[in-house]
Amino acid sequence: MDVSRSFSVTAETTPGKQSQVSNTVSIAPVAVPGKVLNLRAIVDQRHVTLMWDKPQDHPELANAYRVSRTAPAETQIVSETRYEELRYRPGEMYTYEVTAMRGMVPGVGPESTSVVIEDKIPPQIPAGLDIVVSETGAFVTWSANSESDLAGYRVFRNGMAVSDRLITTNSFFDADYRPGFSYSVSAVDEFGNESAQSPLLRGQ
């Protein structure tokens, strides 16, 4: 059971003289949410995404979360169990702290995690590969990837890349096509992360 506590203050000077006692203030303790759980950070597609789980203790009291970055210092209040950071300097290490809140009253914590701002997550493997053969060659197409940090694609003919440069559209015309040639495609992002190759597709 919560019990209110009363506080008052006196001031003491260097010679040992004391002031009169201040007015008394009563404070009633309230229950607060515990520490957030499973805090993690992912760097991908020009974002730092923080995710966490609700506290094990008193999760019903957590109606907001305070997210703080220690250096450069910045604090935000969010209502969901995730936060996306857009402003950062690549290559640096950032430390984030998350505290569950009951209104404006902070809970137990904070919980912290550190992350080096380096994207190591490759794009998705391109899908929807198709080949249309004509008298002048083969037109190879695939579904465009949706990643915001996509740099381009690498097309492979019979297991070998057709060009040293990335292809920036989701199509490639191969004037050197011969019947039976097979193709696959990988996706590459701005950090040089490359997906696995799509399944081979053989032309007719």
N, C-alpha and C. Protein backbone atom coordinates (compact mmCIF):
# COMPACT_ATOMS: atom_id res chain seq x y z
N MET A 1 0.86 -1.20 0.00
CA MET A 1 0.00 0.00 0.00
C MET A 1 0.89 1.25 0.00
N ASP A 2 0.58 2.19 -0.90
CA ASP A 2 1.36 3.42 -0.98
C ASP A 2 1.10 4.30 0.24
N VAL A 3 2.18 4.87 0.79
CA VAL A 3 2.09 5.77 1.94
C VAL A 3 2.69 7.09 1.56
N SER A 4 1.97 8.21 1.86
CA SER A 4 2.52 9.51 1.52
C SER A 4 3.64 9.87 2.47
N ARG A 5 4.59 10.64 1.91
CA ARG A 5 5.74 11.07 2.70
C ARG A 5 5.80 12.59 2.67
N SER A 6 6.22 13.15 3.81
CA SER A 6 6.28 14.61 3.93
C SER A 6 7.74 15.05 4.00
N PHE A 7 8.03 16.20 3.36
CA PHE A 7 9.40 16.71 3.32
C PHE A 7 9.40 18.20 3.64
N SER A 8 10.45 18.61 4.34
CA SER A 8 10.70 20.03 4.56
C SER A 8 12.21 20.24 4.50
N VAL A 9 12.63 21.50 4.40
CA VAL A 9 14.05 21.80 4.17
C VAL A 9 14.51 22.90 5.11
N THR A 10 15.77 22.75 5.58
CA THR A 10 16.43 23.85 6.30
C THR A 10 17.76 24.12 5.61
N ALA A 11 18.24 25.34 5.74
CA ALA A 11 19.54 25.71 5.19
C ALA A 11 20.51 25.96 6.32
N GLU A 12 21.79 25.53 6.12
CA GLU A 12 22.80 25.72 7.15
C GLU A 12 23.96 26.50 6.56
N THR A 13 24.39 27.55 7.24
CA THR A 13 25.51 28.36 6.77
C THR A 13 26.83 27.75 7.25
N THR A 14 27.95 28.28 6.76
CA THR A 14 29.26 27.76 7.13
C THR A 14 29.52 27.83 8.64
N PRO A 15 29.16 28.93 9.31
CA PRO A 15 29.40 28.95 10.76
C PRO A 15 28.49 28.00 11.53
N GLY A 16 27.57 27.34 10.88
CA GLY A 16 26.71 26.40 11.58
C GLY A 16 25.35 26.95 11.94
N LYS A 17 25.02 28.12 11.45
CA LYS A 17 23.70 28.69 11.71
C LYS A 17 22.67 28.04 10.78
N GLN A 18 21.48 27.77 11.30
CA GLN A 18 20.43 27.15 10.53
C GLN A 18 19.27 28.11 10.31
N SER A 19 18.65 27.96 9.14
CA SER A 19 17.47 28.76 8.83
C SER A 19 16.25 28.14 9.51
N GLN A 20 15.16 28.83 9.40
CA GLN A 20 13.91 28.24 9.84
C GLN A 20 13.51 27.10 8.90
N VAL A 21 12.65 26.24 9.37
CA VAL A 21 12.18 25.10 8.56
C VAL A 21 11.20 25.60 7.51
N SER A 22 11.37 25.11 6.29
CA SER A 22 10.48 25.51 5.20
C SER A 22 9.10 24.90 5.39
N ASN A 23 8.21 25.29 4.49
CA ASN A 23 6.89 24.66 4.49
C ASN A 23 7.02 23.17 4.17
N THR A 24 6.03 22.41 4.54
CA THR A 24 6.05 20.96 4.36
C THR A 24 5.31 20.58 3.08
N VAL A 25 5.91 19.65 2.35
CA VAL A 25 5.29 19.16 1.11
C VAL A 25 5.08 17.66 1.26
N SER A 26 3.89 17.19 0.91
CA SER A 26 3.57 15.77 0.97
C SER A 26 3.62 15.17 -0.44
N ILE A 27 4.27 14.03 -0.55
CA ILE A 27 4.39 13.34 -1.83
C ILE A 27 3.88 11.92 -1.66
N ALA A 28 2.97 11.51 -2.53
CA ALA A 28 2.43 10.15 -2.49
C ALA A 28 3.07 9.34 -3.60
N PRO A 29 3.84 8.32 -3.28
CA PRO A 29 4.47 7.50 -4.32
C PRO A 29 3.40 6.81 -5.17
N VAL A 30 3.71 6.63 -6.46
CA VAL A 30 2.80 5.93 -7.37
C VAL A 30 3.56 4.78 -8.03
N ALA A 31 2.85 3.77 -8.43
CA ALA A 31 3.46 2.65 -9.16
C ALA A 31 3.88 3.12 -10.55
N VAL A 32 5.01 2.62 -11.02
CA VAL A 32 5.51 2.99 -12.35
C VAL A 32 5.86 1.72 -13.12
N PRO A 33 5.92 1.80 -14.44
CA PRO A 33 6.30 0.62 -15.22
C PRO A 33 7.77 0.27 -15.00
N GLY A 34 8.07 -1.02 -15.20
CA GLY A 34 9.45 -1.49 -15.06
C GLY A 34 10.29 -1.17 -16.28
N LYS A 35 11.47 -1.79 -16.36
CA LYS A 35 12.37 -1.59 -17.50
C LYS A 35 11.79 -2.21 -18.76
N VAL A 36 12.01 -1.54 -19.90
CA VAL A 36 11.63 -2.14 -21.17
C VAL A 36 12.51 -3.36 -21.42
N LEU A 37 12.05 -4.27 -22.27
CA LEU A 37 12.75 -5.52 -22.54
C LEU A 37 13.21 -5.58 -23.99
N ASN A 38 14.28 -6.34 -24.21
CA ASN A 38 14.72 -6.71 -25.56
C ASN A 38 14.94 -5.50 -26.46
N LEU A 39 15.61 -4.49 -25.94
CA LEU A 39 15.93 -3.31 -26.75
C LEU A 39 16.98 -3.66 -27.79
N ARG A 40 16.72 -3.34 -29.07
CA ARG A 40 17.68 -3.61 -30.13
C ARG A 40 17.62 -2.50 -31.18
N ALA A 41 18.71 -2.38 -31.95
CA ALA A 41 18.82 -1.34 -32.97
C ALA A 41 19.23 -1.98 -34.28
N ILE A 42 18.60 -1.55 -35.38
CA ILE A 42 18.90 -2.05 -36.72
C ILE A 42 19.20 -0.86 -37.61
N VAL A 43 20.32 -0.92 -38.34
CA VAL A 43 20.68 0.12 -39.30
C VAL A 43 20.40 -0.41 -40.69
N ASP A 44 19.47 0.22 -41.41
CA ASP A 44 19.11 -0.23 -42.75
C ASP A 44 18.30 0.85 -43.44
N GLN A 45 18.52 0.98 -44.77
CA GLN A 45 17.75 1.88 -45.62
C GLN A 45 17.70 3.32 -45.08
N ARG A 46 18.87 3.83 -44.71
CA ARG A 46 19.02 5.22 -44.24
C ARG A 46 18.28 5.49 -42.94
N HIS A 47 18.01 4.46 -42.16
CA HIS A 47 17.33 4.60 -40.88
C HIS A 47 18.10 3.84 -39.80
N VAL A 48 18.01 4.37 -38.57
CA VAL A 48 18.32 3.57 -37.40
C VAL A 48 16.98 3.28 -36.74
N THR A 49 16.59 2.02 -36.69
CA THR A 49 15.31 1.64 -36.11
C THR A 49 15.53 0.98 -34.77
N LEU A 50 14.96 1.59 -33.71
CA LEU A 50 14.99 1.01 -32.37
C LEU A 50 13.68 0.28 -32.14
N MET A 51 13.76 -0.91 -31.55
CA MET A 51 12.57 -1.68 -31.20
C MET A 51 12.76 -2.26 -29.80
N TRP A 52 11.67 -2.40 -29.07
CA TRP A 52 11.75 -2.97 -27.74
C TRP A 52 10.39 -3.57 -27.37
N ASP A 53 10.38 -4.37 -26.30
CA ASP A 53 9.14 -4.95 -25.79
C ASP A 53 8.70 -4.20 -24.54
N LYS A 54 7.42 -4.27 -24.25
CA LYS A 54 6.89 -3.61 -23.06
C LYS A 54 7.53 -4.20 -21.79
N PRO A 55 7.53 -3.44 -20.70
CA PRO A 55 8.12 -3.95 -19.45
C PRO A 55 7.38 -5.20 -18.96
N GLN A 56 8.11 -6.05 -18.28
CA GLN A 56 7.48 -7.20 -17.65
C GLN A 56 6.69 -6.78 -16.42
N ASP A 57 7.20 -5.77 -15.71
CA ASP A 57 6.53 -5.27 -14.51
C ASP A 57 5.65 -4.08 -14.85
N HIS A 58 4.39 -4.19 -14.54
CA HIS A 58 3.40 -3.12 -14.77
C HIS A 58 3.38 -2.61 -16.21
N PRO A 59 3.27 -3.50 -17.20
CA PRO A 59 3.23 -3.02 -18.59
C PRO A 59 2.00 -2.18 -18.88
N GLU A 60 0.93 -2.40 -18.11
CA GLU A 60 -0.31 -1.64 -18.34
C GLU A 60 -0.15 -0.16 -18.00
N LEU A 61 0.89 0.18 -17.23
CA LEU A 61 1.11 1.59 -16.85
C LEU A 61 1.94 2.34 -17.88
N ALA A 62 2.55 1.63 -18.82
CA ALA A 62 3.44 2.28 -19.81
C ALA A 62 2.60 2.83 -20.95
N ASN A 63 2.34 4.13 -20.94
CA ASN A 63 1.57 4.74 -22.02
C ASN A 63 2.43 5.65 -22.90
N ALA A 64 3.73 5.68 -22.65
CA ALA A 64 4.67 6.43 -23.48
C ALA A 64 6.08 5.94 -23.18
N TYR A 65 7.01 6.32 -24.05
CA TYR A 65 8.41 5.92 -23.86
C TYR A 65 9.31 7.11 -24.18
N ARG A 66 10.30 7.30 -23.32
CA ARG A 66 11.29 8.36 -23.55
C ARG A 66 12.51 7.73 -24.20
N VAL A 67 12.85 8.21 -25.40
CA VAL A 67 14.00 7.71 -26.15
C VAL A 67 15.05 8.80 -26.17
N SER A 68 16.23 8.49 -25.64
CA SER A 68 17.31 9.48 -25.56
C SER A 68 18.54 8.96 -26.28
N ARG A 69 19.15 9.83 -27.05
CA ARG A 69 20.45 9.54 -27.66
C ARG A 69 21.48 10.33 -26.88
N THR A 70 22.54 9.65 -26.42
CA THR A 70 23.45 10.31 -25.48
C THR A 70 24.37 11.31 -26.15
N ALA A 71 24.86 11.02 -27.36
CA ALA A 71 25.77 11.97 -28.02
C ALA A 71 25.70 11.76 -29.53
N PRO A 72 25.34 12.83 -30.28
CA PRO A 72 24.84 14.13 -29.79
C PRO A 72 23.49 13.96 -29.10
N ALA A 73 23.30 14.71 -28.03
CA ALA A 73 22.14 14.51 -27.16
C ALA A 73 20.84 14.90 -27.86
N GLU A 74 19.85 14.04 -27.71
CA GLU A 74 18.52 14.31 -28.24
C GLU A 74 17.53 13.39 -27.54
N THR A 75 16.34 13.91 -27.23
CA THR A 75 15.32 13.12 -26.54
C THR A 75 13.98 13.29 -27.24
N GLN A 76 13.28 12.17 -27.39
CA GLN A 76 11.94 12.17 -27.99
C GLN A 76 11.03 11.33 -27.11
N ILE A 77 9.74 11.67 -27.10
CA ILE A 77 8.72 10.88 -26.43
C ILE A 77 7.85 10.23 -27.51
N VAL A 78 7.71 8.91 -27.44
CA VAL A 78 6.92 8.19 -28.45
C VAL A 78 5.89 7.32 -27.74
N SER A 79 4.84 6.96 -28.47
CA SER A 79 3.78 6.14 -27.87
C SER A 79 3.89 4.67 -28.26
N GLU A 80 4.66 4.36 -29.31
CA GLU A 80 4.81 2.99 -29.77
C GLU A 80 6.11 2.39 -29.23
N THR A 81 6.27 1.07 -29.40
CA THR A 81 7.49 0.40 -28.94
C THR A 81 8.53 0.32 -30.06
N ARG A 82 8.67 1.40 -30.80
CA ARG A 82 9.69 1.52 -31.83
C ARG A 82 9.95 3.00 -32.11
N TYR A 83 11.13 3.28 -32.65
CA TYR A 83 11.51 4.66 -32.94
C TYR A 83 12.48 4.64 -34.11
N GLU A 84 12.29 5.54 -35.05
CA GLU A 84 13.15 5.62 -36.23
C GLU A 84 13.97 6.90 -36.20
N GLU A 85 15.27 6.74 -36.33
CA GLU A 85 16.22 7.85 -36.33
C GLU A 85 16.69 8.09 -37.76
N LEU A 86 16.54 9.34 -38.22
CA LEU A 86 16.94 9.68 -39.59
C LEU A 86 18.21 10.52 -39.63
N ARG A 87 18.52 11.19 -38.54
CA ARG A 87 19.68 12.09 -38.52
C ARG A 87 20.83 11.41 -37.78
N TYR A 88 21.85 11.07 -38.51
CA TYR A 88 23.01 10.41 -37.91
C TYR A 88 24.22 10.60 -38.81
N ARG A 89 25.38 10.27 -38.28
CA ARG A 89 26.63 10.35 -39.05
C ARG A 89 27.16 8.94 -39.25
N PRO A 90 27.22 8.47 -40.49
CA PRO A 90 27.69 7.09 -40.74
C PRO A 90 29.07 6.84 -40.15
N GLY A 91 29.27 5.63 -39.63
CA GLY A 91 30.56 5.23 -39.09
C GLY A 91 30.72 5.50 -37.61
N GLU A 92 29.85 6.34 -37.01
CA GLU A 92 29.97 6.65 -35.60
C GLU A 92 29.16 5.67 -34.75
N MET A 93 29.48 5.61 -33.46
CA MET A 93 28.72 4.78 -32.52
C MET A 93 27.78 5.67 -31.72
N TYR A 94 26.52 5.29 -31.67
CA TYR A 94 25.52 6.01 -30.90
C TYR A 94 25.01 5.10 -29.79
N THR A 95 24.71 5.70 -28.65
CA THR A 95 24.10 4.98 -27.54
C THR A 95 22.70 5.54 -27.32
N TYR A 96 21.72 4.66 -27.27
CA TYR A 96 20.33 5.04 -27.06
C TYR A 96 19.84 4.49 -25.73
N GLU A 97 18.99 5.26 -25.06
CA GLU A 97 18.38 4.84 -23.81
C GLU A 97 16.86 4.96 -23.94
N VAL A 98 16.15 3.95 -23.45
CA VAL A 98 14.69 3.95 -23.53
C VAL A 98 14.13 3.71 -22.13
N THR A 99 13.19 4.58 -21.73
CA THR A 99 12.54 4.47 -20.43
C THR A 99 11.03 4.48 -20.63
N ALA A 100 10.34 3.50 -20.04
CA ALA A 100 8.89 3.50 -20.06
C ALA A 100 8.36 4.62 -19.17
N MET A 101 7.26 5.25 -19.59
CA MET A 101 6.71 6.38 -18.85
C MET A 101 5.26 6.11 -18.45
N ARG A 102 4.88 6.60 -17.29
CA ARG A 102 3.48 6.67 -16.89
C ARG A 102 3.09 8.14 -16.90
N GLY A 103 2.51 8.56 -18.01
CA GLY A 103 2.29 9.99 -18.19
C GLY A 103 3.64 10.67 -18.31
N MET A 104 3.90 11.62 -17.40
CA MET A 104 5.19 12.31 -17.39
C MET A 104 6.14 11.74 -16.33
N VAL A 105 5.72 10.65 -15.66
CA VAL A 105 6.54 10.06 -14.61
C VAL A 105 7.36 8.92 -15.20
N PRO A 106 8.69 8.99 -15.15
CA PRO A 106 9.50 7.90 -15.71
C PRO A 106 9.43 6.65 -14.86
N GLY A 107 9.50 5.51 -15.53
CA GLY A 107 9.52 4.24 -14.83
C GLY A 107 10.94 3.82 -14.50
N VAL A 108 11.10 2.53 -14.20
CA VAL A 108 12.42 1.98 -13.87
C VAL A 108 13.27 1.98 -15.15
N GLY A 109 14.53 2.29 -14.99
CA GLY A 109 15.41 2.30 -16.16
C GLY A 109 16.41 3.43 -16.08
N PRO A 110 16.98 3.79 -17.21
CA PRO A 110 16.62 3.33 -18.57
C PRO A 110 17.31 2.03 -18.97
N GLU A 111 16.85 1.46 -20.08
CA GLU A 111 17.54 0.37 -20.75
C GLU A 111 18.33 0.99 -21.91
N SER A 112 19.57 0.53 -22.13
CA SER A 112 20.40 1.18 -23.15
C SER A 112 20.97 0.16 -24.13
N THR A 113 21.31 0.66 -25.32
CA THR A 113 21.99 -0.15 -26.33
C THR A 113 22.86 0.77 -27.17
N SER A 114 23.96 0.24 -27.67
CA SER A 114 24.88 1.01 -28.52
C SER A 114 24.93 0.35 -29.90
N VAL A 115 25.08 1.18 -30.92
CA VAL A 115 25.11 0.66 -32.29
C VAL A 115 26.07 1.50 -33.12
N VAL A 116 26.89 0.83 -33.93
CA VAL A 116 27.73 1.51 -34.91
C VAL A 116 26.89 1.77 -36.15
N ILE A 117 26.90 3.00 -36.63
CA ILE A 117 26.05 3.37 -37.76
C ILE A 117 26.69 2.84 -39.04
N GLU A 118 26.41 1.58 -39.30
CA GLU A 118 26.94 0.92 -40.49
C GLU A 118 25.89 -0.08 -40.98
N ASP A 119 25.43 0.12 -42.19
CA ASP A 119 24.41 -0.75 -42.77
C ASP A 119 25.07 -2.01 -43.30
N LYS A 120 24.68 -3.17 -42.74
CA LYS A 120 25.21 -4.44 -43.20
C LYS A 120 24.11 -5.37 -43.72
N ILE A 121 22.92 -4.82 -43.93
CA ILE A 121 21.78 -5.64 -44.34
C ILE A 121 21.60 -5.52 -45.86
N PRO A 122 21.69 -6.63 -46.59
CA PRO A 122 21.54 -6.57 -48.05
C PRO A 122 20.08 -6.39 -48.46
N PRO A 123 19.85 -5.95 -49.68
CA PRO A 123 18.47 -5.86 -50.18
C PRO A 123 17.85 -7.24 -50.33
N GLN A 124 16.56 -7.25 -50.59
CA GLN A 124 15.86 -8.50 -50.89
C GLN A 124 16.33 -9.06 -52.24
N ILE A 125 16.25 -10.37 -52.39
CA ILE A 125 16.58 -11.00 -53.67
C ILE A 125 15.54 -10.58 -54.70
N PRO A 126 15.96 -10.08 -55.86
CA PRO A 126 14.99 -9.70 -56.89
C PRO A 126 14.08 -10.87 -57.28
N ALA A 127 12.83 -10.55 -57.54
CA ALA A 127 11.84 -11.57 -57.88
C ALA A 127 11.21 -11.24 -59.24
N GLY A 128 10.44 -12.18 -59.74
CA GLY A 128 9.70 -11.96 -60.98
C GLY A 128 10.54 -11.93 -62.24
N LEU A 129 11.66 -12.66 -62.24
CA LEU A 129 12.54 -12.65 -63.41
C LEU A 129 11.80 -13.22 -64.62
N ASP A 130 11.98 -12.55 -65.79
CA ASP A 130 11.32 -12.98 -67.02
C ASP A 130 12.26 -12.71 -68.20
N ILE A 131 12.16 -13.55 -69.22
CA ILE A 131 12.99 -13.39 -70.42
C ILE A 131 12.08 -13.41 -71.64
N VAL A 132 12.20 -12.39 -72.48
CA VAL A 132 11.48 -12.34 -73.75
C VAL A 132 12.53 -12.34 -74.86
N VAL A 133 12.52 -13.40 -75.66
CA VAL A 133 13.51 -13.58 -76.72
C VAL A 133 12.97 -13.03 -78.03
N SER A 134 13.82 -12.29 -78.75
CA SER A 134 13.45 -11.78 -80.07
C SER A 134 14.55 -12.11 -81.07
N GLU A 135 14.40 -11.67 -82.29
CA GLU A 135 15.41 -11.93 -83.33
C GLU A 135 16.71 -11.18 -83.06
N THR A 136 16.63 -10.11 -82.24
CA THR A 136 17.82 -9.29 -82.01
C THR A 136 18.48 -9.56 -80.66
N GLY A 137 17.88 -10.40 -79.82
CA GLY A 137 18.47 -10.67 -78.52
C GLY A 137 17.42 -11.09 -77.51
N ALA A 138 17.73 -10.89 -76.24
CA ALA A 138 16.82 -11.26 -75.16
C ALA A 138 16.60 -10.07 -74.24
N PHE A 139 15.35 -9.83 -73.89
CA PHE A 139 15.00 -8.75 -72.97
C PHE A 139 14.70 -9.37 -71.62
N VAL A 140 15.58 -9.10 -70.64
CA VAL A 140 15.47 -9.68 -69.31
C VAL A 140 14.87 -8.62 -68.37
N THR A 141 13.78 -8.98 -67.70
CA THR A 141 13.13 -8.04 -66.76
C THR A 141 12.89 -8.73 -65.43
N TRP A 142 12.64 -7.93 -64.39
CA TRP A 142 12.32 -8.44 -63.05
C TRP A 142 11.57 -7.36 -62.28
N SER A 143 10.96 -7.74 -61.19
CA SER A 143 10.21 -6.78 -60.37
C SER A 143 11.19 -5.86 -59.65
N ALA A 144 10.86 -4.58 -59.62
CA ALA A 144 11.74 -3.59 -58.97
C ALA A 144 11.74 -3.80 -57.45
N ASN A 145 12.93 -3.70 -56.86
CA ASN A 145 13.03 -3.74 -55.39
C ASN A 145 12.49 -2.45 -54.80
N SER A 146 12.05 -2.52 -53.54
CA SER A 146 11.43 -1.35 -52.90
C SER A 146 12.35 -0.63 -51.91
N GLU A 147 13.59 -1.12 -51.70
CA GLU A 147 14.47 -0.49 -50.70
C GLU A 147 14.80 0.95 -51.08
N SER A 148 14.77 1.83 -50.09
CA SER A 148 15.04 3.25 -50.34
C SER A 148 16.52 3.52 -50.61
N ASP A 149 17.41 2.61 -50.19
CA ASP A 149 18.85 2.82 -50.39
C ASP A 149 19.40 1.93 -51.51
N LEU A 150 18.54 1.48 -52.41
CA LEU A 150 18.97 0.62 -53.51
C LEU A 150 19.89 1.39 -54.46
N ALA A 151 21.02 0.80 -54.81
CA ALA A 151 21.95 1.43 -55.76
C ALA A 151 21.76 0.88 -57.17
N GLY A 152 21.38 -0.39 -57.29
CA GLY A 152 21.19 -0.97 -58.61
C GLY A 152 21.20 -2.49 -58.56
N TYR A 153 21.34 -3.08 -59.74
CA TYR A 153 21.27 -4.54 -59.87
C TYR A 153 22.48 -5.04 -60.64
N ARG A 154 22.79 -6.31 -60.38
CA ARG A 154 23.83 -6.99 -61.14
C ARG A 154 23.18 -8.17 -61.87
N VAL A 155 23.36 -8.21 -63.18
CA VAL A 155 22.78 -9.27 -64.00
C VAL A 155 23.86 -10.30 -64.33
N PHE A 156 23.52 -11.56 -64.18
CA PHE A 156 24.46 -12.65 -64.45
C PHE A 156 23.94 -13.49 -65.62
N ARG A 157 24.84 -13.72 -66.57
CA ARG A 157 24.55 -14.59 -67.70
C ARG A 157 25.41 -15.84 -67.57
N ASN A 158 24.77 -16.99 -67.48
CA ASN A 158 25.51 -18.25 -67.31
C ASN A 158 26.50 -18.17 -66.14
N GLY A 159 26.08 -17.48 -65.07
CA GLY A 159 26.89 -17.39 -63.86
C GLY A 159 27.90 -16.28 -63.83
N MET A 160 28.07 -15.52 -64.90
CA MET A 160 29.04 -14.43 -64.98
C MET A 160 28.33 -13.08 -65.10
N ALA A 161 28.83 -12.07 -64.38
CA ALA A 161 28.23 -10.74 -64.47
C ALA A 161 28.39 -10.18 -65.87
N VAL A 162 27.33 -9.59 -66.41
CA VAL A 162 27.38 -9.07 -67.78
C VAL A 162 28.07 -7.72 -67.85
N SER A 163 28.25 -7.05 -66.69
CA SER A 163 28.86 -5.72 -66.69
C SER A 163 29.50 -5.45 -65.33
N ASP A 164 30.58 -4.64 -65.33
CA ASP A 164 31.19 -4.22 -64.08
C ASP A 164 30.35 -3.16 -63.38
N ARG A 165 29.53 -2.46 -64.14
CA ARG A 165 28.69 -1.39 -63.58
C ARG A 165 27.33 -1.96 -63.19
N LEU A 166 26.74 -1.33 -62.16
CA LEU A 166 25.40 -1.73 -61.76
C LEU A 166 24.38 -1.23 -62.78
N ILE A 167 23.32 -1.99 -62.94
CA ILE A 167 22.21 -1.60 -63.80
C ILE A 167 21.17 -0.92 -62.92
N THR A 168 20.77 0.29 -63.26
CA THR A 168 19.93 1.09 -62.38
C THR A 168 18.44 0.96 -62.68
N THR A 169 18.08 0.19 -63.71
CA THR A 169 16.67 -0.09 -63.98
C THR A 169 16.43 -1.58 -63.79
N ASN A 170 15.18 -1.98 -63.76
CA ASN A 170 14.87 -3.40 -63.56
C ASN A 170 14.67 -4.13 -64.90
N SER A 171 15.60 -3.86 -65.81
CA SER A 171 15.57 -4.54 -67.11
C SER A 171 16.96 -4.50 -67.74
N PHE A 172 17.19 -5.46 -68.65
CA PHE A 172 18.47 -5.53 -69.34
C PHE A 172 18.25 -6.19 -70.69
N PHE A 173 18.79 -5.57 -71.75
CA PHE A 173 18.70 -6.16 -73.09
C PHE A 173 20.04 -6.78 -73.44
N ASP A 174 20.03 -8.06 -73.76
CA ASP A 174 21.25 -8.79 -74.09
C ASP A 174 21.28 -9.08 -75.58
N ALA A 175 22.05 -8.26 -76.29
CA ALA A 175 22.17 -8.46 -77.74
C ALA A 175 23.02 -9.67 -78.08
N ASP A 176 23.74 -10.21 -77.09
CA ASP A 176 24.60 -11.38 -77.33
C ASP A 176 23.91 -12.70 -76.97
N TYR A 177 22.60 -12.63 -76.78
CA TYR A 177 21.87 -13.84 -76.36
C TYR A 177 22.02 -14.98 -77.36
N ARG A 178 22.14 -16.19 -76.79
CA ARG A 178 22.10 -17.41 -77.60
C ARG A 178 21.10 -18.36 -76.93
N PRO A 179 20.42 -19.20 -77.73
CA PRO A 179 19.45 -20.13 -77.14
C PRO A 179 20.07 -20.96 -76.03
N GLY A 180 19.34 -21.05 -74.91
CA GLY A 180 19.82 -21.83 -73.78
C GLY A 180 20.58 -21.04 -72.74
N PHE A 181 20.90 -19.76 -73.00
CA PHE A 181 21.55 -18.94 -71.99
C PHE A 181 20.63 -18.83 -70.76
N SER A 182 21.24 -18.80 -69.58
CA SER A 182 20.48 -18.65 -68.35
C SER A 182 20.88 -17.36 -67.64
N TYR A 183 19.93 -16.78 -66.89
CA TYR A 183 20.14 -15.48 -66.25
C TYR A 183 19.69 -15.51 -64.79
N SER A 184 20.34 -14.69 -63.99
CA SER A 184 19.91 -14.42 -62.62
C SER A 184 20.28 -12.98 -62.30
N VAL A 185 19.70 -12.44 -61.22
CA VAL A 185 19.89 -11.03 -60.86
C VAL A 185 20.09 -10.91 -59.35
N SER A 186 21.00 -10.03 -58.94
CA SER A 186 21.15 -9.67 -57.53
C SER A 186 20.91 -8.17 -57.38
N ALA A 187 20.61 -7.73 -56.15
CA ALA A 187 20.39 -6.31 -55.86
C ALA A 187 21.50 -5.82 -54.93
N VAL A 188 21.94 -4.56 -55.14
CA VAL A 188 23.04 -3.97 -54.38
C VAL A 188 22.57 -2.63 -53.80
N ASP A 189 22.88 -2.38 -52.51
CA ASP A 189 22.48 -1.10 -51.93
C ASP A 189 23.65 -0.11 -51.91
N GLU A 190 23.40 1.09 -51.38
CA GLU A 190 24.39 2.17 -51.40
C GLU A 190 25.62 1.86 -50.55
N PHE A 191 25.50 0.92 -49.61
CA PHE A 191 26.63 0.56 -48.75
C PHE A 191 27.43 -0.61 -49.32
N GLY A 192 27.03 -1.09 -50.52
CA GLY A 192 27.74 -2.19 -51.15
C GLY A 192 27.25 -3.57 -50.73
N ASN A 193 26.19 -3.62 -49.91
CA ASN A 193 25.62 -4.92 -49.54
C ASN A 193 24.89 -5.51 -50.74
N GLU A 194 25.15 -6.77 -51.03
CA GLU A 194 24.57 -7.40 -52.21
C GLU A 194 23.74 -8.62 -51.79
N SER A 195 22.56 -8.73 -52.37
CA SER A 195 21.70 -9.87 -52.08
C SER A 195 22.24 -11.12 -52.77
N ALA A 196 21.69 -12.25 -52.39
CA ALA A 196 21.97 -13.48 -53.14
C ALA A 196 21.34 -13.35 -54.53
N GLN A 197 21.76 -14.17 -55.45
CA GLN A 197 21.21 -14.14 -56.81
C GLN A 197 19.83 -14.78 -56.84
N SER A 198 18.99 -14.28 -57.71
CA SER A 198 17.68 -14.88 -57.91
C SER A 198 17.86 -16.27 -58.54
N PRO A 199 16.84 -17.12 -58.45
CA PRO A 199 16.93 -18.43 -59.11
C PRO A 199 17.20 -18.28 -60.60
N LEU A 200 17.99 -19.19 -61.15
CA LEU A 200 18.32 -19.14 -62.58
C LEU A 200 17.07 -19.30 -63.43
N LEU A 201 17.02 -18.55 -64.54
CA LEU A 201 15.96 -18.69 -65.52
C LEU A 201 16.63 -18.85 -66.89
N ARG A 202 16.24 -19.89 -67.59
CA ARG A 202 16.87 -20.21 -68.88
C ARG A 202 15.98 -19.74 -70.04
N GLY A 203 16.61 -19.08 -71.00
CA GLY A 203 15.89 -18.65 -72.19
C GLY A 203 15.59 -19.81 -73.12
N GLN A 204 14.61 -19.61 -73.99
CA GLN A 204 14.23 -20.67 -74.94
C GLN A 204 15.08 -20.62 -76.21
